[in-house]
Structures are given as structure tokens and as C-alpha cells.
PDB file of N, CA and C in Angstrom:
ATOM      1  N   UNK A   1       0.683  -1.288   0.082  1.00  0.00           N
ATOM      2  CA  UNK A   1      -0.083   0.226  -0.387  1.00  0.00           C
ATOM      3  C   UNK A   1       1.033   1.287   0.109  1.00  0.00           C
ATOM      4  N   UNK A   2       1.101   1.945  -0.247  1.00  0.00           N
ATOM      5  CA  UNK A   2       1.516   3.363  -0.841  1.00  0.00           C
ATOM      6  C   UNK A   2       0.583   4.439   0.082  1.00  0.00           C
ATOM      7  N   UNK A   3       1.724   5.324   0.231  1.00  0.00           N
ATOM      8  CA  UNK A   3       1.791   7.060   0.987  1.00  0.00           C
ATOM      9  C   UNK A   3       0.481   7.181   0.861  1.00  0.00           C
ATOM     10  N   UNK A   4      -0.712   7.097   1.414  1.00  0.00           N
ATOM     11  CA  UNK A   4      -2.279   8.020   1.202  1.00  0.00           C
ATOM     12  C   UNK A   4      -2.037   9.502   1.182  1.00  0.00           C
ATOM     13  N   UNK A   5      -2.474   9.928   0.276  1.00  0.00           N
ATOM     14  CA  UNK A   5      -2.619  11.622  -0.228  1.00  0.00           C
ATOM     15  C   UNK A   5      -3.529  12.260   0.273  1.00  0.00           C
ATOM     16  N   UNK A   6      -4.066  13.311   1.138  1.00  0.00           N
ATOM     17  CA  UNK A   6      -5.187  14.350   1.811  1.00  0.00           C
ATOM     18  C   UNK A   6      -5.474  14.963   0.990  1.00  0.00           C
ATOM     19  N   UNK A   7      -6.345  15.125   0.436  1.00  0.00           N
ATOM     20  CA  UNK A   7      -7.274  16.329  -0.418  1.00  0.00           C
ATOM     21  C   UNK A   7      -7.930  17.553   0.289  1.00  0.00           C
ATOM     22  N   UNK A   8      -7.930  18.305  -0.029  1.00  0.00           N
ATOM     23  CA  UNK A   8      -8.712  19.991   0.616  1.00  0.00           C
ATOM     24  C   UNK A   8      -9.559  19.717  -0.336  1.00  0.00           C
ATOM     25  N   UNK A   9     -10.830  19.725   0.678  1.00  0.00           N
ATOM     26  CA  UNK A   9     -12.092  20.137  -0.143  1.00  0.00           C
ATOM     27  C   UNK A   9     -12.562  21.398  -0.135  1.00  0.00           C
ATOM     28  N   UNK A  10     -13.191  21.889  -1.088  1.00  0.00           N
ATOM     29  CA  UNK A  10     -13.119  23.477  -1.077  1.00  0.00           C
ATOM     30  C   UNK A  10     -14.619  23.724  -1.345  1.00  0.00           C
ATOM     31  N   UNK A  11     -15.319  22.473  -1.775  1.00  0.00           N
ATOM     32  CA  UNK A  11     -16.863  23.060  -1.437  1.00  0.00           C
ATOM     33  C   UNK A  11     -17.351  22.262  -2.983  1.00  0.00           C
ATOM     34  N   UNK A  12     -18.611  22.798  -3.273  1.00  0.00           N
ATOM     35  CA  UNK A  12     -19.214  22.749  -4.528  1.00  0.00           C
ATOM     36  C   UNK A  12     -17.883  23.869  -6.068  1.00  0.00           C
ATOM     37  N   UNK A  13     -18.659  23.539  -7.087  1.00  0.00           N
ATOM     38  CA  UNK A  13     -17.790  24.613  -7.868  1.00  0.00           C
ATOM     39  C   UNK A  13     -18.348  25.355  -8.148  1.00  0.00           C
ATOM     40  N   UNK A  14     -19.715  25.501  -7.934  1.00  0.00           N
ATOM     41  CA  UNK A  14     -20.301  26.661  -8.167  1.00  0.00           C
ATOM     42  C   UNK A  14     -21.759  26.354  -7.478  1.00  0.00           C
ATOM     43  N   UNK A  15     -21.697  28.252  -6.836  1.00  0.00           N
ATOM     44  CA  UNK A  15     -23.099  27.538  -5.688  1.00  0.00           C
ATOM     45  C   UNK A  15     -24.002  28.667  -6.259  1.00  0.00           C
ATOM     46  N   UNK A  16     -25.601  28.178  -5.525  1.00  0.00           N
ATOM     47  CA  UNK A  16     -26.366  28.791  -6.104  1.00  0.00           C
ATOM     48  C   UNK A  16     -27.204  29.187  -4.906  1.00  0.00           C
ATOM     49  N   UNK A  17     -28.255  30.526  -5.295  1.00  0.00           N
ATOM     50  CA  UNK A  17     -28.538  31.318  -4.364  1.00  0.00           C
ATOM     51  C   UNK A  17     -29.763  30.702  -4.355  1.00  0.00           C
ATOM     52  N   UNK A  18     -30.773  31.435  -3.379  1.00  0.00           N
ATOM     53  CA  UNK A  18     -32.380  30.558  -2.949  1.00  0.00           C
ATOM     54  C   UNK A  18     -32.890  30.831  -4.058  1.00  0.00           C
ATOM     55  N   UNK A  19     -32.646  31.748  -5.686  1.00  0.00           N
ATOM     56  CA  UNK A  19     -33.003  31.321  -6.407  1.00  0.00           C
ATOM     57  C   UNK A  19     -32.825  30.988  -7.461  1.00  0.00           C
ATOM     58  N   UNK A  20     -31.830  30.253  -7.624  1.00  0.00           N
ATOM     59  CA  UNK A  20     -30.747  28.942  -7.734  1.00  0.00           C
ATOM     60  C   UNK A  20     -30.139  29.713  -9.056  1.00  0.00           C
ATOM     61  N   UNK A  21     -30.097  30.966  -8.916  1.00  0.00           N
ATOM     62  CA  UNK A  21     -28.534  31.863  -9.758  1.00  0.00           C
ATOM     63  C   UNK A  21     -27.403  31.252  -9.099  1.00  0.00           C
ATOM     64  N   UNK A  22     -26.327  31.073 -10.123  1.00  0.00           N
ATOM     65  CA  UNK A  22     -24.821  30.681  -9.981  1.00  0.00           C
ATOM     66  C   UNK A  22     -24.426  31.816  -8.992  1.00  0.00           C
ATOM     67  N   UNK A  23     -23.631  32.061  -7.879  1.00  0.00           N
ATOM     68  CA  UNK A  23     -23.125  32.826  -7.153  1.00  0.00           C
ATOM     69  C   UNK A  23     -21.862  32.789  -6.891  1.00  0.00           C
ATOM     70  N   UNK A  24     -21.346  31.755  -7.926  1.00  0.00           N
ATOM     71  CA  UNK A  24     -19.532  31.776  -8.135  1.00  0.00           C
ATOM     72  C   UNK A  24     -18.366  33.002  -8.653  1.00  0.00           C
ATOM     73  N   UNK A  25     -19.338  34.295  -8.519  1.00  0.00           N
ATOM     74  CA  UNK A  25     -18.399  35.117  -8.911  1.00  0.00           C
ATOM     75  C   UNK A  25     -18.227  36.141  -8.048  1.00  0.00           C
ATOM     76  N   UNK A  26     -19.711  36.138  -7.239  1.00  0.00           N
ATOM     77  CA  UNK A  26     -19.182  36.940  -5.613  1.00  0.00           C
ATOM     78  C   UNK A  26     -18.286  35.148  -4.900  1.00  0.00           C
ATOM     79  N   UNK A  27     -17.645  34.596  -4.642  1.00  0.00           N
ATOM     80  CA  UNK A  27     -17.763  33.918  -4.194  1.00  0.00           C
ATOM     81  C   UNK A  27     -16.291  34.248  -2.779  1.00  0.00           C
ATOM     82  N   UNK A  28     -15.343  35.261  -4.336  1.00  0.00           N
ATOM     83  CA  UNK A  28     -14.304  36.112  -3.015  1.00  0.00           C
ATOM     84  C   UNK A  28     -13.968  37.463  -2.394  1.00  0.00           C
ATOM     85  N   UNK A  29     -16.019  37.324  -2.540  1.00  0.00           N
ATOM     86  CA  UNK A  29     -15.991  39.167  -2.153  1.00  0.00           C
ATOM     87  C   UNK A  29     -16.402  38.740  -0.691  1.00  0.00           C
ATOM     88  N   UNK A  30     -16.859  39.751   0.150  1.00  0.00           N
ATOM     89  CA  UNK A  30     -17.648  39.771   0.933  1.00  0.00           C
ATOM     90  C   UNK A  30     -18.310  41.553   1.708  1.00  0.00           C
ATOM     91  N   UNK A  31     -19.552  41.297   1.735  1.00  0.00           N
ATOM     92  CA  UNK A  31     -19.849  43.240   1.683  1.00  0.00           C
ATOM     93  C   UNK A  31     -20.183  43.117   3.058  1.00  0.00           C
ATOM     94  N   UNK A  32     -19.676  44.256   3.747  1.00  0.00           N
ATOM     95  CA  UNK A  32     -19.823  44.895   5.037  1.00  0.00           C
ATOM     96  C   UNK A  32     -19.740  46.368   5.259  1.00  0.00           C
ATOM     97  N   UNK A  33     -19.728  46.718   5.942  1.00  0.00           N
ATOM     98  CA  UNK A  33     -20.063  47.994   6.692  1.00  0.00           C
ATOM     99  C   UNK A  33     -18.445  48.221   7.215  1.00  0.00           C
ATOM    100  N   UNK A  34     -18.338  49.902   7.022  1.00  0.00           N
ATOM    101  CA  UNK A  34     -17.086  50.211   7.299  1.00  0.00           C
ATOM    102  C   UNK A  34     -16.573  50.057   9.069  1.00  0.00           C
ATOM    103  N   UNK A  35     -17.838  50.524   9.655  1.00  0.00           N
ATOM    104  CA  UNK A  35     -18.098  50.323  11.250  1.00  0.00           C
ATOM    105  C   UNK A  35     -17.242  48.507  12.255  1.00  0.00           C
ATOM    106  N   UNK A  36     -17.751  48.138  10.770  1.00  0.00           N
ATOM    107  CA  UNK A  36     -17.532  46.352  11.180  1.00  0.00           C
ATOM    108  C   UNK A  36     -15.349  46.305  10.819  1.00  0.00           C
ATOM    109  N   UNK A  37     -15.166  47.273  10.071  1.00  0.00           N
ATOM    110  CA  UNK A  37     -13.976  46.507   9.620  1.00  0.00           C
ATOM    111  C   UNK A  37     -12.693  47.664  10.432  1.00  0.00           C
ATOM    112  N   UNK A  38     -13.072  49.088  10.550  1.00  0.00           N
ATOM    113  CA  UNK A  38     -12.317  50.177  10.931  1.00  0.00           C
ATOM    114  C   UNK A  38     -11.962  49.775  12.483  1.00  0.00           C
ATOM    115  N   UNK A  39     -12.284  48.915  13.536  1.00  0.00           N
ATOM    116  CA  UNK A  39     -11.656  49.025  14.695  1.00  0.00           C
ATOM    117  C   UNK A  39     -10.354  47.899  14.014  1.00  0.00           C
ATOM    118  N   UNK A  40     -10.529  46.708  12.896  1.00  0.00           N
ATOM    119  CA  UNK A  40     -10.003  45.520  13.270  1.00  0.00           C
ATOM    120  C   UNK A  40      -8.466  46.067  12.571  1.00  0.00           C
ATOM    121  N   UNK A  41      -9.042  47.403  11.340  1.00  0.00           N
ATOM    122  CA  UNK A  41      -8.186  47.775  10.668  1.00  0.00           C
ATOM    123  C   UNK A  41      -7.108  49.185  11.729  1.00  0.00           C
ATOM    124  N   UNK A  42      -7.617  49.204  12.807  1.00  0.00           N
ATOM    125  CA  UNK A  42      -6.964  50.870  13.253  1.00  0.00           C
ATOM    126  C   UNK A  42      -5.777  50.135  13.971  1.00  0.00           C
ATOM    127  N   UNK A  43      -6.715  48.510  14.983  1.00  0.00           N
ATOM    128  CA  UNK A  43      -5.529  48.019  15.637  1.00  0.00           C
ATOM    129  C   UNK A  43      -4.232  47.301  14.844  1.00  0.00           C
ATOM    130  N   UNK A  44      -4.555  47.044  13.835  1.00  0.00           N
ATOM    131  CA  UNK A  44      -3.672  46.737  13.096  1.00  0.00           C
ATOM    132  C   UNK A  44      -2.586  47.542  12.312  1.00  0.00           C
ATOM    133  N   UNK A  45      -2.558  48.649  12.059  1.00  0.00           N
ATOM    134  CA  UNK A  45      -1.894  49.565  12.059  1.00  0.00           C
ATOM    135  C   UNK A  45      -1.052  50.266  12.956  1.00  0.00           C
ATOM    136  N   UNK A  46      -1.859  50.053  13.882  1.00  0.00           N
ATOM    137  CA  UNK A  46      -1.683  51.008  15.363  1.00  0.00           C
ATOM    138  C   UNK A  46      -0.042  50.055  15.865  1.00  0.00           C
ATOM    139  N   UNK A  47      -0.437  48.397  15.635  1.00  0.00           N
ATOM    140  CA  UNK A  47       1.010  47.780  16.173  1.00  0.00           C
ATOM    141  C   UNK A  47       1.582  46.906  14.860  1.00  0.00           C
ATOM    142  N   UNK A  48       1.259  47.879  14.140  1.00  0.00           N
ATOM    143  CA  UNK A  48       2.352  47.311  12.842  1.00  0.00           C
ATOM    144  C   UNK A  48       2.106  46.014  12.244  1.00  0.00           C
ATOM    145  N   UNK A  49       1.320  45.491  12.282  1.00  0.00           N
ATOM    146  CA  UNK A  49       0.892  44.050  12.117  1.00  0.00           C
ATOM    147  C   UNK A  49       1.304  43.741  10.340  1.00  0.00           C
ATOM    148  N   UNK A  50       2.421  42.844  10.155  1.00  0.00           N
ATOM    149  CA  UNK A  50       2.911  42.411   9.281  1.00  0.00           C
ATOM    150  C   UNK A  50       2.095  42.213   7.927  1.00  0.00           C
ATOM    151  N   UNK A  51       0.727  40.763   8.475  1.00  0.00           N
ATOM    152  CA  UNK A  51      -0.093  40.944   7.781  1.00  0.00           C
ATOM    153  C   UNK A  51      -0.185  42.043   6.595  1.00  0.00           C
ATOM    154  N   UNK A  52      -0.605  43.159   7.366  1.00  0.00           N
ATOM    155  CA  UNK A  52      -1.342  44.245   6.175  1.00  0.00           C
ATOM    156  C   UNK A  52      -0.600  44.463   4.651  1.00  0.00           C
ATOM    157  N   UNK A  53       0.672  43.542   5.218  1.00  0.00           N
ATOM    158  CA  UNK A  53       1.956  44.158   3.419  1.00  0.00           C
ATOM    159  C   UNK A  53       1.029  43.190   2.663  1.00  0.00           C
ATOM    160  N   UNK A  54       0.829  42.060   3.072  1.00  0.00           N
ATOM    161  CA  UNK A  54       0.103  40.805   1.685  1.00  0.00           C
ATOM    162  C   UNK A  54      -1.029  41.803   1.100  1.00  0.00           C
ATOM    163  N   UNK A  55      -1.545  42.879   1.924  1.00  0.00           N
ATOM    164  CA  UNK A  55      -3.118  43.675   0.897  1.00  0.00           C
ATOM    165  C   UNK A  55      -2.254  45.194   0.489  1.00  0.00           C
ATOM    166  N   UNK A  56      -1.130  45.315   0.355  1.00  0.00           N
ATOM    167  CA  UNK A  56      -0.758  46.054  -0.213  1.00  0.00           C
ATOM    168  C   UNK A  56      -1.380  46.815  -1.905  1.00  0.00           C
ATOM    169  N   UNK A  57      -0.982  45.339  -2.493  1.00  0.00           N
ATOM    170  CA  UNK A  57      -1.039  45.630  -3.998  1.00  0.00           C
ATOM    171  C   UNK A  57      -2.661  45.128  -3.813  1.00  0.00           C
ATOM    172  N   UNK A  58      -3.282  44.906  -3.316  1.00  0.00           N
ATOM    173  CA  UNK A  58      -4.861  44.399  -3.829  1.00  0.00           C
ATOM    174  C   UNK A  58      -5.611  46.067  -3.916  1.00  0.00           C
ATOM    175  N   UNK A  59      -6.779  46.026  -5.013  1.00  0.00           N
ATOM    176  CA  UNK A  59      -7.844  46.976  -5.076  1.00  0.00           C
ATOM    177  C   UNK A  59      -8.891  46.873  -3.747  1.00  0.00           C
ATOM    178  N   UNK A  60      -9.483  48.572  -4.071  1.00  0.00           N
ATOM    179  CA  UNK A  60     -10.066  48.627  -3.376  1.00  0.00           C
ATOM    180  C   UNK A  60     -11.562  49.810  -3.934  1.00  0.00           C
ATOM    181  N   UNK A  61     -12.877  49.336  -3.474  1.00  0.00           N
ATOM    182  CA  UNK A  61     -13.438  50.588  -4.147  1.00  0.00           C
ATOM    183  C   UNK A  61     -14.116  50.633  -3.082  1.00  0.00           C
ATOM    184  N   UNK A  62     -14.140  52.517  -2.924  1.00  0.00           N
ATOM    185  CA  UNK A  62     -15.022  53.017  -2.087  1.00  0.00           C
ATOM    186  C   UNK A  62     -16.208  54.206  -2.613  1.00  0.00           C
ATOM    187  N   UNK A  63     -16.668  54.493  -2.231  1.00  0.00           N
ATOM    188  CA  UNK A  63     -17.658  55.968  -2.467  1.00  0.00           C
ATOM    189  C   UNK A  63     -16.539  56.777  -3.036  1.00  0.00           C
ATOM    190  N   UNK A  64     -16.906  57.762  -3.669  1.00  0.00           N
ATOM    191  CA  UNK A  64     -16.832  59.426  -3.802  1.00  0.00           C
ATOM    192  C   UNK A  64     -16.915  60.429  -3.458  1.00  0.00           C
ATOM    193  N   UNK A  65     -17.696  60.016  -2.164  1.00  0.00           N
ATOM    194  CA  UNK A  65     -17.684  61.399  -1.371  1.00  0.00           C
ATOM    195  C   UNK A  65     -16.566  60.588   0.306  1.00  0.00           C
ATOM    196  N   UNK A  66     -16.249  59.025   0.055  1.00  0.00           N
ATOM    197  CA  UNK A  66     -15.151  58.422   0.757  1.00  0.00           C
ATOM    198  C   UNK A  66     -14.078  59.166   0.982  1.00  0.00           C
ATOM    199  N   UNK A  67     -13.521  59.143  -0.487  1.00  0.00           N
ATOM    200  CA  UNK A  67     -12.600  59.779  -1.284  1.00  0.00           C
ATOM    201  C   UNK A  67     -12.131  61.249  -0.986  1.00  0.00           C
ATOM    202  N   UNK A  68     -12.968  61.394  -1.342  1.00  0.00           N
ATOM    203  CA  UNK A  68     -13.195  63.520  -0.869  1.00  0.00           C
ATOM    204  C   UNK A  68     -12.722  63.679   0.198  1.00  0.00           C
ATOM    205  N   UNK A  69     -13.529  62.922   1.191  1.00  0.00           N
ATOM    206  CA  UNK A  69     -13.554  62.922   3.370  1.00  0.00           C
ATOM    207  C   UNK A  69     -11.755  62.494   2.939  1.00  0.00           C
ATOM    208  N   UNK A  70     -11.567  61.726   2.496  1.00  0.00           N
ATOM    209  CA  UNK A  70      -9.901  61.140   2.903  1.00  0.00           C
ATOM    210  C   UNK A  70      -9.055  61.939   2.216  1.00  0.00           C
ATOM    211  N   UNK A  71      -9.174  62.740   1.033  1.00  0.00           N
ATOM    212  CA  UNK A  71      -7.543  63.885   0.580  1.00  0.00           C
ATOM    213  C   UNK A  71      -7.843  64.547   1.375  1.00  0.00           C
ATOM    214  N   UNK A  72      -9.227  65.178   1.612  1.00  0.00           N
ATOM    215  CA  UNK A  72      -9.333  65.944   2.228  1.00  0.00           C
ATOM    216  C   UNK A  72      -8.539  66.491   3.752  1.00  0.00           C
ATOM    217  N   UNK A  73      -8.510  65.407   4.236  1.00  0.00           N
ATOM    218  CA  UNK A  73      -8.038  65.021   5.305  1.00  0.00           C
ATOM    219  C   UNK A  73      -6.736  64.767   5.315  1.00  0.00           C
ATOM    220  N   UNK A  74      -6.189  63.740   4.337  1.00  0.00           N
ATOM    221  CA  UNK A  74      -4.460  63.484   3.455  1.00  0.00           C
ATOM    222  C   UNK A  74      -4.106  65.024   3.812  1.00  0.00           C
ATOM    223  N   UNK A  75      -5.155  66.058   3.177  1.00  0.00           N
ATOM    224  CA  UNK A  75      -4.207  67.212   2.691  1.00  0.00           C
ATOM    225  C   UNK A  75      -4.124  68.432   4.056  1.00  0.00           C
ATOM    226  N   UNK A  76      -5.472  67.942   5.360  1.00  0.00           N
ATOM    227  CA  UNK A  76      -5.089  68.999   6.389  1.00  0.00           C
ATOM    228  C   UNK A  76      -4.049  68.346   7.234  1.00  0.00           C
ATOM    229  N   UNK A  77      -3.702  67.545   7.500  1.00  0.00           N
ATOM    230  CA  UNK A  77      -2.702  66.650   8.198  1.00  0.00           C
ATOM    231  C   UNK A  77      -1.364  67.065   7.614  1.00  0.00           C
ATOM    232  N   UNK A  78      -1.147  67.371   6.682  1.00  0.00           N
ATOM    233  CA  UNK A  78       0.257  67.772   5.857  1.00  0.00           C
ATOM    234  C   UNK A  78       0.857  68.777   6.489  1.00  0.00           C
ATOM    235  N   UNK A  79       2.220  68.398   7.248  1.00  0.00           N
ATOM    236  CA  UNK A  79       2.609  69.663   7.561  1.00  0.00           C
ATOM    237  C   UNK A  79       3.457  70.370   6.632  1.00  0.00           C
ATOM    238  N   UNK A  80       2.885  72.010   7.588  1.00  0.00           N
ATOM    239  CA  UNK A  80       3.245  72.991   7.042  1.00  0.00           C
ATOM    240  C   UNK A  80       4.419  73.874   6.480  1.00  0.00           C
ATOM    241  N   UNK A  81       4.955  73.831   5.293  1.00  0.00           N
ATOM    242  CA  UNK A  81       6.541  74.065   5.009  1.00  0.00           C
ATOM    243  C   UNK A  81       6.761  75.459   5.652  1.00  0.00           C
TER     244      UNK A  81
END
């Protein structure tokens, strides 16, 4: 008898929602509120967790108004010369 090989089961190839629609394109995304993620990110940034660098090249979609607020805050926080 040869060595046994273990395989990881990742679930079905496609997932169907309650209406029978294919949900496979949404498999790698999660929708959540900012209030759920901000405390976790703030803590990770504060303590310089190394896993944050794993996501440096990931893309993030935010609303235009949030982008404008972030850019205004960034410009406001810059030290004056």
C-alpha cells in the first residue's frame, strides 16, 4: 500500500442562491459596513501587524464622497513648510 494523500475539499464548484442563480463570481468578496472593519484595521495599523503588507497591491472600491473626505483629511494633516 502506497502513502495516502490527503486532499482539501473546497466545496462545490458553483454555489446557487435561494433563487437558483450561480453565485460563483461573488465567491471571493464579502460586503460589510465600515464600522465592522475599521476597528480591526486601526488596531492592526497601530501595532504594525505584518499581515497588512500582504494586501498592499489589492484594489479597493470606495464611494466618491469617502474618497473626497480622505483626500481632504490627508491634505489637512500635512505639515506646512
